[in-house]
Protein backbone atom coordinates (compact mmCIF):
# COMPACT_ATOMS: atom_id res chain seq x y z
CA UNK A 1 -40.51 43.61 -84.00
CA UNK A 2 -42.68 40.84 -82.55
CA UNK A 3 -41.63 37.32 -81.63
CA UNK A 4 -42.55 35.98 -85.07
CA UNK A 5 -40.37 38.52 -86.84
CA UNK A 6 -37.53 37.61 -84.50
CA UNK A 7 -37.95 33.91 -85.26
CA UNK A 8 -38.05 34.69 -88.99
CA UNK A 9 -34.84 36.72 -88.64
CA UNK A 10 -33.07 33.88 -86.80
CA UNK A 11 -34.27 31.33 -89.36
CA UNK A 12 -33.25 33.51 -92.30
CA UNK A 13 -29.86 34.20 -90.76
CA UNK A 14 -29.29 30.46 -90.20
CA UNK A 15 -30.33 29.58 -93.76
CA UNK A 16 -28.10 32.33 -95.12
CA UNK A 17 -24.98 31.10 -93.31
CA UNK A 18 -25.74 27.45 -94.07
CA UNK A 19 -26.32 28.16 -97.77
CA UNK A 20 -23.10 30.14 -98.01
CA UNK A 21 -21.13 27.30 -96.40
CA UNK A 22 -22.69 24.60 -98.61
CA UNK A 23 -22.23 26.62 -101.79
CA UNK A 24 -18.59 27.44 -100.99
CA UNK A 25 -17.68 23.81 -100.24
CA UNK A 26 -19.40 22.55 -103.39
CA UNK A 27 -17.71 25.16 -105.58
CA UNK A 28 -14.39 24.25 -103.99
CA UNK A 29 -14.84 20.57 -104.86
CA UNK A 30 -16.14 21.36 -108.35
CA UNK A 31 -13.22 23.66 -109.12
CA UNK A 32 -10.49 21.50 -107.57
CA UNK A 33 -8.52 21.16 -110.81
CA UNK A 34 -8.85 24.85 -111.65
CA UNK A 35 -7.66 25.79 -108.16
CA UNK A 36 -4.53 23.70 -108.62
CA UNK A 37 -3.96 25.31 -112.03
CA UNK A 38 -4.39 28.84 -110.66
CA UNK A 39 -2.07 28.27 -107.72
CA UNK A 40 0.44 26.56 -110.01
CA UNK A 41 0.82 29.85 -111.90
CA UNK A 42 2.18 31.68 -108.87
CA UNK A 43 5.41 33.51 -109.61
CA UNK A 44 7.46 36.20 -107.95
CA UNK A 45 5.40 38.74 -109.91
CA UNK A 46 3.10 40.76 -107.68
CA UNK A 47 0.57 41.04 -110.50
CA UNK A 48 0.46 37.26 -111.00
CA UNK A 49 -0.08 36.77 -107.27
CA UNK A 50 -2.80 39.45 -107.27
CA UNK A 51 -4.70 37.83 -110.14
CA UNK A 52 -4.32 34.41 -108.54
CA UNK A 53 -5.78 35.69 -105.27
CA UNK A 54 -8.72 37.26 -107.10
CA UNK A 55 -9.38 34.11 -109.13
CA UNK A 56 -9.15 31.61 -106.27
CA UNK A 57 -11.30 33.69 -103.92
CA UNK A 58 -13.92 34.35 -106.59
CA UNK A 59 -14.18 30.58 -107.07
CA UNK A 60 -14.39 29.49 -103.43
CA UNK A 61 -16.23 32.63 -102.25
CA UNK A 62 -14.11 33.11 -99.13
CA UNK A 63 -11.14 35.41 -98.61
CA UNK A 64 -10.63 33.79 -95.20
CA UNK A 65 -10.14 30.36 -96.82
CA UNK A 66 -7.69 31.83 -99.32
CA UNK A 67 -5.59 33.57 -96.67
CA UNK A 68 -5.56 30.42 -94.52
CA UNK A 69 -4.24 28.58 -97.59
CA UNK A 70 -1.58 31.25 -97.98
CA UNK A 71 -0.51 30.77 -94.35
CA UNK A 72 -0.34 27.01 -94.98
CA UNK A 73 1.73 27.47 -98.13
CA UNK A 74 4.17 29.80 -96.41
CA UNK A 75 4.41 27.40 -93.46
CA UNK A 76 5.26 24.60 -95.92
CA UNK A 77 7.86 26.65 -97.76
CA UNK A 78 5.81 26.62 -100.99
CA UNK A 79 5.31 30.38 -101.11
CA UNK A 80 7.45 33.34 -100.16
CA UNK A 81 6.18 36.36 -98.27
CA UNK A 82 6.55 38.47 -101.42
CA UNK A 83 4.24 36.07 -103.29
CA UNK A 84 1.85 36.04 -100.33
CA UNK A 85 1.38 39.84 -100.48
CA UNK A 86 -0.18 39.75 -103.95
CA UNK A 87 -2.40 36.77 -103.20
CA UNK A 88 -3.73 38.33 -99.97
CA UNK A 89 -4.52 41.61 -101.73
CA UNK A 90 -6.23 39.72 -104.56
CA UNK A 91 -8.30 37.74 -102.04
CA UNK A 92 -9.77 40.99 -100.69
CA UNK A 93 -10.97 41.92 -104.18
CA UNK A 94 -12.17 38.42 -105.08
CA UNK A 95 -14.42 38.18 -102.02
CA UNK A 96 -16.50 41.15 -103.24
CA UNK A 97 -18.10 38.89 -105.87
CA UNK A 98 -20.45 37.54 -103.18
CA UNK A 99 -21.87 40.99 -102.43
CA UNK A 100 -22.65 41.53 -106.12
CA UNK A 101 -24.51 38.21 -106.25
CA UNK A 102 -26.51 39.13 -103.15
CA UNK A 103 -27.30 42.57 -104.59
CA UNK A 104 -29.53 40.88 -107.19
CA UNK A 105 -32.20 40.78 -104.47
CA UNK A 106 -32.44 44.57 -104.71
CA UNK A 107 -33.42 44.65 -108.38
CA UNK A 108 -36.69 46.49 -108.97
CA UNK A 109 -38.71 47.54 -111.98
CA UNK A 110 -41.56 46.28 -114.13
CA UNK A 111 -39.37 45.13 -117.02
CA UNK A 112 -39.73 41.36 -117.43
CA UNK A 113 -36.00 40.91 -118.01
CA UNK A 114 -35.19 42.74 -114.79
CA UNK A 115 -37.74 40.63 -112.95
CA UNK A 116 -36.08 37.45 -114.26
CA UNK A 117 -32.81 38.60 -112.72
CA UNK A 118 -34.35 38.75 -109.25
CA UNK A 119 -33.46 35.74 -107.06
CA UNK A 120 -37.13 35.18 -106.25
CA UNK A 121 -37.63 34.45 -109.98
CA UNK A 122 -34.75 32.08 -110.69
CA UNK A 123 -33.97 30.61 -107.25
CA UNK A 124 -36.79 28.01 -107.45
CA UNK A 125 -35.50 26.91 -110.87
CA UNK A 126 -31.94 26.62 -109.50
CA UNK A 127 -33.21 24.63 -106.51
CA UNK A 128 -35.05 22.20 -108.80
CA UNK A 129 -32.01 21.86 -111.08
CA UNK A 130 -29.85 21.32 -108.00
CA UNK A 131 -32.08 18.52 -106.73
CA UNK A 132 -32.03 16.78 -110.12
CA UNK A 133 -28.25 17.10 -110.47
CA UNK A 134 -27.60 15.64 -107.02
CA UNK A 135 -29.09 12.35 -108.27
CA UNK A 136 -26.38 12.12 -110.94
CA UNK A 137 -23.72 9.42 -110.60
CA UNK A 138 -21.01 11.86 -111.73
CA UNK A 139 -19.39 13.71 -108.85
CA UNK A 140 -18.94 16.89 -110.91
CA UNK A 141 -22.67 17.15 -111.57
CA UNK A 142 -23.44 16.36 -107.94
CA UNK A 143 -21.18 19.19 -106.80
CA UNK A 144 -22.79 21.57 -109.30
CA UNK A 145 -26.21 20.58 -107.97
CA UNK A 146 -25.09 21.07 -104.38
CA UNK A 147 -23.76 24.54 -105.28
CA UNK A 148 -27.14 25.42 -106.85
CA UNK A 149 -28.95 24.22 -103.72
CA UNK A 150 -26.54 26.16 -101.50
CA UNK A 151 -27.13 29.33 -103.52
CA UNK A 152 -30.91 28.83 -103.41
CA UNK A 153 -30.74 28.35 -99.63
CA UNK A 154 -28.51 31.40 -99.25
CA UNK A 155 -30.86 33.63 -101.23
CA UNK A 156 -33.91 32.25 -99.39
CA UNK A 157 -32.23 33.15 -96.11
CA UNK A 158 -31.35 36.58 -97.47
CA UNK A 159 -34.97 37.28 -98.42
CA UNK A 160 -36.19 35.96 -95.04
CA UNK A 161 -33.80 38.29 -93.22
CA UNK A 162 -34.83 41.25 -95.37
CA UNK A 163 -38.50 40.52 -94.77
CA UNK A 164 -38.01 40.09 -91.02
CA UNK A 165 -36.20 43.41 -90.59
CA UNK A 166 -38.53 45.35 -92.86
CA UNK A 167 -40.78 45.95 -89.88
CA UNK A 168 -37.95 47.83 -88.18
CA UNK A 169 -38.17 50.60 -90.74
CA UNK A 170 -40.30 52.79 -88.49
CA UNK A 171 -38.85 51.73 -85.11
CA UNK A 172 -37.09 54.77 -83.53
CA UNK A 173 -34.51 52.66 -81.67
CA UNK A 174 -33.44 50.99 -84.91
CA UNK A 175 -33.16 54.34 -86.66
CA UNK A 176 -31.08 55.83 -83.86
CA UNK A 177 -28.79 52.77 -83.85
CA UNK A 178 -27.66 53.42 -87.41
CA UNK A 179 -27.50 57.15 -86.83
CA UNK A 180 -24.92 56.29 -84.14
CA UNK A 181 -22.99 54.21 -86.69
CA UNK A 182 -22.55 57.34 -88.77
CA UNK A 183 -19.74 58.02 -86.32
CA UNK A 184 -17.00 56.38 -88.46
CA UNK A 185 -15.13 54.89 -85.51
CA UNK A 186 -18.27 53.19 -84.20
CA UNK A 187 -19.04 51.92 -87.70
CA UNK A 188 -15.55 50.45 -88.11
CA UNK A 189 -15.77 48.86 -84.68
CA UNK A 190 -19.18 47.31 -85.43
CA UNK A 191 -18.01 45.92 -88.78
CA UNK A 192 -14.84 44.51 -87.21
CA UNK A 193 -16.65 42.77 -84.35
CA UNK A 194 -19.42 41.31 -86.54
CA UNK A 195 -16.96 39.91 -89.11
CA UNK A 196 -14.60 38.60 -86.44
CA UNK A 197 -17.55 36.77 -84.88
CA UNK A 198 -18.77 35.27 -88.19
CA UNK A 199 -15.23 34.82 -89.58
CA UNK A 200 -16.55 35.79 -93.00
CA UNK A 201 -16.63 39.23 -94.56
CA UNK A 202 -18.99 37.91 -97.26
CA UNK A 203 -21.52 36.90 -94.61
CA UNK A 204 -21.26 40.18 -92.72
CA UNK A 205 -21.64 42.20 -95.94
CA UNK A 206 -24.71 40.09 -96.75
CA UNK A 207 -26.22 40.92 -93.36
CA UNK A 208 -25.48 44.60 -93.94
CA UNK A 209 -27.26 44.38 -97.30
CA UNK A 210 -30.27 42.73 -95.66
CA UNK A 211 -30.45 45.55 -93.09
CA UNK A 212 -30.03 48.12 -95.86
CA UNK A 213 -33.28 46.88 -97.38
CA UNK A 214 -35.08 48.83 -94.62
CA UNK A 215 -33.81 52.08 -96.11
CA UNK A 216 -32.50 53.23 -92.71
CA UNK A 217 -28.79 52.76 -93.42
CA UNK A 218 -27.07 55.63 -95.17
CA UNK A 219 -23.85 55.37 -97.13
CA UNK A 220 -22.25 57.45 -94.39
CA UNK A 221 -22.95 54.61 -91.93
CA UNK A 222 -22.43 51.68 -94.35
CA UNK A 223 -18.97 52.63 -95.64
CA UNK A 224 -17.21 52.64 -92.23
CA UNK A 225 -18.89 49.31 -91.41
CA UNK A 226 -17.48 47.88 -94.67
CA UNK A 227 -14.03 49.15 -93.69
CA UNK A 228 -14.36 47.43 -90.34
CA UNK A 229 -15.41 44.21 -92.03
CA UNK A 230 -12.09 44.12 -93.87
CA UNK A 231 -10.26 44.31 -90.54
CA UNK A 232 -12.45 41.68 -88.88
CA UNK A 233 -11.86 39.12 -91.63
CA UNK A 234 -8.16 39.00 -90.65
CA UNK A 235 -9.02 37.11 -87.45
CA UNK A 236 -9.15 33.78 -89.28
CA UNK A 237 -5.71 34.16 -90.89
CA UNK A 238 -4.09 35.45 -87.69
CA UNK A 239 -5.57 32.53 -85.73
CA UNK A 240 -4.37 30.09 -88.40
CA UNK A 241 -0.80 31.38 -88.07
CA UNK A 242 -0.64 30.58 -84.35
CA UNK A 243 1.80 27.73 -83.79
CA UNK A 244 3.26 28.01 -87.30
CA UNK A 245 6.81 28.98 -88.22
CA UNK A 246 7.87 32.61 -88.27
CA UNK A 247 7.20 33.16 -91.98
CA UNK A 248 3.65 31.83 -91.61
CA UNK A 249 3.11 34.15 -88.65
CA UNK A 250 4.42 36.97 -90.80
CA UNK A 251 1.88 36.04 -93.52
CA UNK A 252 -1.01 36.25 -91.02
CA UNK A 253 0.32 39.58 -89.73
CA UNK A 254 0.77 40.77 -93.31
CA UNK A 255 -2.94 40.25 -93.95
CA UNK A 256 -3.82 42.20 -90.81
CA UNK A 257 -1.40 45.05 -91.58
CA UNK A 258 -2.63 45.38 -95.16
CA UNK A 259 -6.29 45.60 -94.16
CA UNK A 260 -5.62 47.75 -91.10
CA UNK A 261 -3.41 50.26 -92.94
CA UNK A 262 -5.75 50.45 -95.94
CA UNK A 263 -8.82 50.89 -93.73
CA UNK A 264 -7.21 53.59 -91.57
CA UNK A 265 -5.93 55.53 -94.57
CA UNK A 266 -9.24 55.56 -96.43
CA UNK A 267 -11.14 56.12 -93.19
CA UNK A 268 -9.12 59.31 -92.74
CA UNK A 269 -9.97 60.37 -96.31
CA UNK A 270 -13.64 59.51 -95.73
CA UNK A 271 -13.82 61.38 -92.43
CA UNK A 272 -11.97 64.40 -93.81
CA UNK A 273 -14.19 64.65 -96.90
CA UNK A 274 -17.27 64.36 -94.73
CA UNK A 275 -16.17 67.14 -92.39
CA UNK A 276 -14.95 69.45 -95.15
CA UNK A 277 -17.44 68.88 -97.95
CA UNK A 278 -20.43 67.10 -96.33
CA UNK A 279 -21.40 65.42 -99.63
CA UNK A 280 -25.11 64.71 -99.89
CA UNK A 281 -24.27 61.20 -101.15
CA UNK A 282 -23.31 60.14 -97.62
CA UNK A 283 -26.82 60.89 -96.36
CA UNK A 284 -28.60 58.84 -99.04
CA UNK A 285 -30.03 55.43 -98.10
CA UNK A 286 -27.68 52.65 -99.09
CA UNK A 287 -28.98 50.16 -101.67
CA UNK A 288 -27.89 46.54 -102.05
CA UNK A 289 -25.94 47.20 -105.30
CA UNK A 290 -24.54 50.36 -103.71
CA UNK A 291 -23.08 48.38 -100.80
CA UNK A 292 -21.61 45.85 -103.24
CA UNK A 293 -20.05 48.70 -105.23
CA UNK A 294 -18.68 50.36 -102.08
CA UNK A 295 -17.19 47.01 -100.97
CA UNK A 296 -15.48 46.49 -104.34
CA UNK A 297 -14.24 50.07 -104.73
CA UNK A 298 -12.84 50.15 -101.20
CA UNK A 299 -10.85 46.91 -101.70
CA UNK A 300 -9.56 48.02 -105.10
CA UNK A 301 -8.46 51.37 -103.60
CA UNK A 302 -6.64 49.59 -100.77
CA UNK A 303 -4.80 47.43 -103.32
CA UNK A 304 -3.93 50.42 -105.51
CA UNK A 305 -2.57 52.19 -102.43
CA UNK A 306 -0.51 49.36 -100.95
CA UNK A 307 0.52 47.05 -103.82
CA UNK A 308 3.40 49.36 -104.81
CA UNK A 309 4.45 49.34 -101.14
CA UNK A 310 4.37 45.54 -100.77
CA UNK A 311 8.15 45.40 -100.31
CA UNK A 312 7.91 47.81 -97.37
CA UNK A 313 5.05 45.76 -95.90
CA UNK A 314 7.23 42.64 -96.01
CA UNK A 315 10.08 44.47 -94.29
CA UNK A 316 7.68 45.80 -91.65
CA UNK A 317 6.28 42.37 -90.69
CA UNK A 318 9.81 40.92 -90.72
CA UNK A 319 10.77 43.53 -88.12
CA UNK A 320 7.65 42.80 -86.10
CA UNK A 321 8.38 39.03 -86.19
CA UNK A 322 12.20 39.04 -86.14
CA UNK A 323 14.53 36.14 -86.87
CA UNK A 324 15.45 34.22 -83.74
CA UNK A 325 18.58 32.57 -85.09
CA UNK A 326 16.84 29.16 -84.96
CA UNK A 327 16.71 27.17 -88.21
CA UNK A 328 13.45 27.50 -90.11
CA UNK A 329 11.28 24.39 -89.80
CA UNK A 330 9.04 23.70 -92.80
CA UNK A 331 5.94 21.60 -92.41
CA UNK A 332 5.53 19.34 -95.43
CA UNK A 333 1.79 18.78 -94.91
CA UNK A 334 0.12 21.67 -93.15
CA UNK A 335 -3.18 20.91 -91.39
CA UNK A 336 -4.48 24.32 -92.48
CA UNK A 337 -4.60 23.14 -96.09
CA UNK A 338 -7.22 20.51 -95.19
CA UNK A 339 -9.74 23.36 -95.21
CA UNK A 340 -9.26 23.32 -99.00
CA UNK A 341 -9.11 19.60 -99.92
CA UNK A 342 -8.07 20.01 -103.61
CA UNK A 343 -5.03 22.03 -102.51
CA UNK A 344 -4.25 19.60 -99.67
CA UNK A 345 -4.37 16.71 -102.15
CA UNK A 346 -2.10 18.59 -104.52
CA UNK A 347 0.39 18.97 -101.67
CA UNK A 348 0.14 15.23 -100.90
CA UNK A 349 0.92 14.47 -104.53
CA UNK A 350 4.02 16.67 -104.37
CA UNK A 351 5.27 15.05 -101.15
CA UNK A 352 4.62 11.54 -102.51
CA UNK A 353 6.45 12.39 -105.74
CA UNK A 354 9.45 13.60 -103.73
CA UNK A 355 9.27 10.44 -101.62
CA UNK A 356 9.23 8.26 -104.76
CA UNK A 357 12.25 10.02 -106.26
CA UNK A 358 14.11 9.67 -102.96
CA UNK A 359 13.39 5.93 -102.75
CA UNK A 360 14.53 5.36 -106.35
CA UNK A 361 17.72 7.32 -105.72
CA UNK A 362 18.44 5.31 -102.56
CA UNK A 363 18.10 2.03 -104.48
CA UNK A 364 20.44 3.22 -107.24
CA UNK A 365 22.97 4.39 -104.66
CA UNK A 366 22.84 0.98 -102.97
CA UNK A 367 23.51 -0.71 -106.31
CA UNK A 368 26.46 1.65 -106.77
CA UNK A 369 27.70 0.70 -103.28
CA UNK A 370 27.68 -2.96 -104.32
CA UNK A 371 29.99 -2.10 -107.18
CA UNK A 372 32.21 0.28 -105.20
CA UNK A 373 31.43 0.87 -101.54
CA UNK A 374 32.01 4.24 -99.85
CA UNK A 375 30.95 5.64 -96.45
CA UNK A 376 29.41 8.64 -98.21
CA UNK A 377 27.09 6.41 -100.22
CA UNK A 378 26.15 4.48 -97.08
CA UNK A 379 25.26 7.68 -95.21
CA UNK A 380 23.22 8.98 -98.13
CA UNK A 381 21.21 5.73 -98.44
CA UNK A 382 20.37 5.71 -94.74
CA UNK A 383 19.33 9.38 -94.76
CA UNK A 384 17.05 8.74 -97.70
CA UNK A 385 15.52 5.73 -95.97
CA UNK A 386 14.77 7.86 -92.89
CA UNK A 387 13.19 10.49 -95.13
CA UNK A 388 10.90 7.97 -96.85
CA UNK A 389 9.88 6.53 -93.45
CA UNK A 390 8.98 10.02 -92.29
CA UNK A 391 7.04 10.74 -95.48
CA UNK A 392 5.06 7.52 -95.17
CA UNK A 393 4.11 8.35 -91.57
CA UNK A 394 2.89 11.88 -92.27
CA UNK A 395 1.22 11.02 -95.59
CA UNK A 396 -0.70 8.08 -94.18
CA UNK A 397 -2.34 10.04 -91.36
CA UNK A 398 -2.83 13.17 -93.51
CA UNK A 399 -4.52 11.26 -96.36
CA UNK A 400 -6.87 9.54 -93.92
CA UNK A 401 -7.91 12.96 -92.57
CA UNK A 402 -8.26 14.28 -96.11
CA UNK A 403 -10.41 11.32 -97.20
CA UNK A 404 -12.83 12.11 -94.36
CA UNK A 405 -13.42 15.57 -95.85
CA UNK A 406 -16.07 16.26 -98.52
CA UNK A 407 -14.03 15.73 -101.70
CA UNK A 408 -14.89 14.94 -105.31
CA UNK A 409 -14.96 11.39 -106.65
CA UNK A 410 -11.82 12.00 -108.73
CA UNK A 411 -9.94 13.39 -105.73
CA UNK A 412 -11.12 10.45 -103.62
CA UNK A 413 -9.64 8.01 -106.15
CA UNK A 414 -6.39 9.96 -106.20
CA UNK A 415 -6.17 9.91 -102.39
CA UNK A 416 -6.77 6.14 -102.45
CA UNK A 417 -3.99 5.72 -105.02
CA UNK A 418 -1.54 7.66 -102.87
CA UNK A 419 -2.47 5.63 -99.79
CA UNK A 420 -1.77 2.43 -101.72
CA UNK A 421 1.56 3.42 -103.25
CA UNK A 422 3.31 5.01 -100.26
CA UNK A 423 3.78 1.61 -98.64
CA UNK A 424 5.43 0.20 -101.75
CA UNK A 425 7.64 3.28 -102.11
CA UNK A 426 8.79 3.02 -98.49
CA UNK A 427 9.59 -0.69 -98.90
CA UNK A 428 11.86 0.10 -101.87
CA UNK A 429 14.01 2.29 -99.62
CA UNK A 430 14.03 -0.50 -97.01
CA UNK A 431 15.37 -2.92 -99.62
CA UNK A 432 17.99 -0.32 -100.54
CA UNK A 433 19.24 -0.47 -96.95
CA UNK A 434 19.23 -4.28 -97.17
CA UNK A 435 21.47 -4.09 -100.24
CA UNK A 436 23.71 -1.59 -98.47
CA UNK A 437 24.08 -3.92 -95.48
CA UNK A 438 25.11 -6.71 -97.86
CA UNK A 439 27.70 -4.38 -99.42
CA UNK A 440 29.00 -3.49 -95.94
CA UNK A 441 29.23 -7.16 -94.97
CA UNK A 442 31.26 -7.91 -98.08
CA UNK A 443 33.48 -4.93 -97.28
CA UNK A 444 34.03 -6.04 -93.67
CA UNK A 445 34.68 -9.69 -94.51
CA UNK A 446 36.80 -8.90 -97.60
CA UNK A 447 34.48 -10.98 -99.77
CA UNK A 448 33.98 -10.74 -103.50
CA UNK A 449 31.92 -12.48 -106.15
CA UNK A 450 33.32 -14.47 -109.04
CA UNK A 451 33.55 -12.73 -112.39
CA UNK A 452 30.56 -14.74 -113.64
CA UNK A 453 28.45 -13.80 -110.60
CA UNK A 454 29.47 -10.13 -110.90
CA UNK A 455 28.41 -10.11 -114.58
CA UNK A 456 25.05 -11.66 -113.70
CA UNK A 457 24.54 -9.14 -110.91
CA UNK A 458 25.27 -6.30 -113.34
CA UNK A 459 22.53 -7.58 -115.67
CA UNK A 460 19.99 -7.85 -112.84
CA UNK A 461 20.99 -4.44 -111.45
CA UNK A 462 20.43 -2.82 -114.86
CA UNK A 463 17.00 -4.43 -115.12
CA UNK A 464 16.04 -3.20 -111.63
CA UNK A 465 17.22 0.34 -112.42
CA UNK A 466 15.08 0.34 -115.57
CA UNK A 467 11.98 -0.92 -113.75
CA UNK A 468 12.53 1.79 -111.13
CA UNK A 469 12.60 4.44 -113.86
CA UNK A 470 9.53 3.01 -115.60
CA UNK A 471 7.40 2.76 -112.46
CA UNK A 472 8.53 6.20 -111.29
CA UNK A 473 7.68 7.70 -114.68
CA UNK A 474 4.30 5.94 -114.73
CA UNK A 475 3.46 7.32 -111.29
CA UNK A 476 4.77 10.87 -111.71
CA UNK A 477 3.38 11.38 -115.22
CA UNK A 478 0.32 9.11 -114.92
CA UNK A 479 1.68 7.41 -118.06
CA UNK A 480 -0.26 4.27 -119.00
CA UNK A 481 2.32 3.22 -121.60
CA UNK A 482 5.14 3.15 -119.06
CA UNK A 483 2.84 1.48 -116.51
CA UNK A 484 1.98 -1.34 -118.93
CA UNK A 485 5.70 -1.89 -119.60
CA UNK A 486 6.56 -2.52 -115.95
CA UNK A 487 4.86 -5.90 -115.55
CA UNK A 488 6.64 -7.65 -118.47
CA UNK A 489 9.98 -6.46 -117.07
CA UNK A 490 8.99 -7.64 -113.58
CA UNK A 491 8.37 -11.12 -115.00
CA UNK A 492 11.80 -11.07 -116.68
CA UNK A 493 13.39 -10.10 -113.34
CA UNK A 494 11.63 -13.05 -111.67
CA UNK A 495 13.11 -15.38 -114.29
CA UNK A 496 16.55 -13.78 -113.90
CA UNK A 497 16.41 -14.42 -110.18
CA UNK A 498 15.68 -18.12 -110.69
CA UNK A 499 18.42 -18.47 -113.30
CA UNK A 500 20.91 -16.76 -110.98
CA UNK A 501 19.96 -19.06 -108.10
CA UNK A 502 20.65 -22.06 -110.35
CA UNK A 503 23.99 -20.58 -111.47
CA UNK A 504 24.92 -20.02 -107.84
CA UNK A 505 24.27 -23.66 -106.98
CA UNK A 506 26.52 -24.74 -109.86
CA UNK A 507 29.30 -22.46 -108.59
CA UNK A 508 28.93 -23.92 -105.10
CA UNK A 509 29.20 -27.45 -106.51
CA UNK A 510 32.31 -26.44 -108.44
CA UNK A 511 33.84 -24.88 -105.31
CA UNK A 512 34.26 -21.47 -106.95
CA UNK A 513 31.95 -19.70 -104.46
CA UNK A 514 32.17 -19.57 -100.66
CA UNK A 515 29.30 -20.24 -98.26
CA UNK A 516 29.51 -16.70 -96.81
CA UNK A 517 29.33 -15.12 -100.26
CA UNK A 518 26.47 -17.45 -101.08
CA UNK A 519 24.36 -16.16 -98.16
CA UNK A 520 24.92 -12.57 -99.30
CA UNK A 521 24.09 -13.57 -102.88
CA UNK A 522 20.76 -15.02 -101.75
CA UNK A 523 19.93 -11.83 -99.80
CA UNK A 524 20.77 -9.67 -102.81
CA UNK A 525 18.53 -11.64 -105.15
CA UNK A 526 15.64 -11.49 -102.68
CA UNK A 527 15.96 -7.71 -102.16
CA UNK A 528 16.18 -6.96 -105.89
CA UNK A 529 13.30 -9.26 -106.82
CA UNK A 530 11.08 -7.76 -104.12
CA UNK A 531 12.00 -4.27 -105.30
CA UNK A 532 10.66 -5.18 -108.74
CA UNK A 533 7.48 -6.52 -107.10
CA UNK A 534 6.89 -3.14 -105.42
CA UNK A 535 7.51 -1.36 -108.74
CA UNK A 536 4.90 -3.64 -110.29
CA UNK A 537 2.43 -2.75 -107.53
CA UNK A 538 2.97 0.96 -108.13
CA UNK A 539 2.45 0.68 -111.89
CA UNK A 540 -0.57 -1.58 -111.37
CA UNK A 541 -2.12 0.97 -109.03
CA UNK A 542 -1.70 3.69 -111.66
CA UNK A 543 -3.56 1.52 -114.17
CA UNK A 544 -6.24 0.59 -111.63
CA UNK A 545 -7.08 4.20 -110.85
CA UNK A 546 -7.14 5.10 -114.54
CA UNK A 547 -9.75 2.35 -115.08
CA UNK A 548 -11.63 3.07 -111.81
CA UNK A 549 -10.67 -0.37 -110.55
CA UNK A 550 -9.17 -1.01 -107.12
CA UNK A 551 -8.50 -4.76 -107.55
CA UNK A 552 -4.75 -4.71 -108.26
CA UNK A 553 -4.18 -8.44 -108.63
CA UNK A 554 -7.04 -8.82 -111.10
CA UNK A 555 -5.59 -6.02 -113.23
CA UNK A 556 -2.16 -7.63 -113.30
CA UNK A 557 -3.61 -11.04 -114.20
CA UNK A 558 -5.61 -9.43 -117.00
CA UNK A 559 -2.45 -7.73 -118.29
CA UNK A 560 -0.44 -10.96 -118.33
CA UNK A 561 -3.09 -13.26 -119.81
CA UNK A 562 -3.82 -13.30 -123.53
CA UNK A 563 -2.02 -10.03 -124.23
CA UNK A 564 0.07 -9.89 -127.41
CA UNK A 565 1.57 -6.59 -126.27
CA UNK A 566 2.65 -8.17 -122.98
CA UNK A 567 4.29 -11.12 -124.77
CA UNK A 568 6.05 -8.77 -127.18
CA UNK A 569 7.49 -6.65 -124.38
CA UNK A 570 8.41 -9.71 -122.33
CA UNK A 571 10.36 -11.12 -125.27
CA UNK A 572 12.16 -7.79 -125.83
CA UNK A 573 13.21 -7.52 -122.16
CA UNK A 574 14.24 -11.19 -122.07
CA UNK A 575 16.63 -10.57 -124.95
CA UNK A 576 17.90 -7.31 -123.46
CA UNK A 577 18.62 -8.82 -120.04
CA UNK A 578 19.84 -12.30 -120.93
CA UNK A 579 22.55 -14.04 -118.90
CA UNK A 580 25.67 -15.52 -120.41
CA UNK A 581 25.51 -19.32 -120.61
CA UNK A 582 27.73 -20.98 -117.94
């Protein structure tokens, strides 16, 4: 090999890895919704987990990314170890799709249809289509175009590598190198080290296929290397589990144990059959489709062997990483999930939804405390307020990191929506504490409202509880009907507040209300009215995102002005929440 062949090999290798990375990221963005759907189907069934692992990995073209996701899910408490077993095994099968795609480069024959299947025939067309699609304004088409370009780059790199190493066909040192790899232990070691270095079994199998194009690699040498590649790919998951909780560490170890045990078992069968029967097949030169087939068959055999023993595998890793007696700490938003932005965003949505429910519950408990105070209610409100503060802190920083990742336009809008609403949600829980403090002050000072004031407060409280439910439903269900109903009710609550201020002044003039109670009354009205404002902001944000508009105040003005539906709903709420005449 001269210097030019070496440069061609380095260039081809670089293009190959770059194309694989670009294609995987683009496919991940393009299939964000499907990924969420697939992972949402996870159950305790081993078969469901297996199929999910196959599907997700086939989509994103990386078993390492899938297993890192699994570690992140287990670390967040979203997946049990028993579910993780099936997904990890499925990931090993799903990653073999890449080798089959790369094997198209080995197609030969004069038939025109076979020639059309060769990458050299359709890669230029894909590259052109990719360029054209990247000019589209739709993010989905852009991602599809980027995936096409990534695939074209990958296959160009593959052909460059194959061409560069073709000159090694007659080099004695190269031939003797792969004769040495026919020692199964050396082959396994080589495959393990190469994959651990690249952190991608798909990439290392692709390199093996490129080298196989020389005709110097026999199946006897290729199969042990493939076995080693399965072991080497565990490095990413094991590294990802460092610093995680014990169940996440068990998930990383589970991946290693599965691949290690499967490889050692079938390596023993391979070595034994070679010594006893010396099948001629092992001496034949490995082809590109043959390596893809060996990769698939080996991973399927490992799954067939160990899937029935998944319960024992879980027990084994639990013994290897024993319980320490310390409480398990779950991480709501695991940094590992950022490697797969659609899944990270899905997790942010779940945490924000939990935060919203918590804030609404804290407000309703504070209203209950105004009616009948108890220390238990007070403790619950304060705990919920601390939880929403914590959620806002972690979500804010996590969503900023997520937004910096390459994500689709739809996911970018969703991340922006979450960033906007978490502040309003957190403020609702703050106002709940304000109401609680007013209830505690009344309890300490033995104060009470007049019967008229209590009746008015009951009306306003009911209206606030309804606007909480409407805004929560609009956010959680992305319901435009509920979202459009929030603003008319918010306007009614504003009017109620003004009417109640006027009624309070009349009671003060009549001497039926004390100054101390009056201060508390004013604080209550302010907290409840501002709560409705935050509910309006949340519903307005839902409508903004649905219409691809980020100008909240303009949307609300448009809703209020010249809208018969708004006036109809406003009238209905005004009648429902009317105050008794003094």
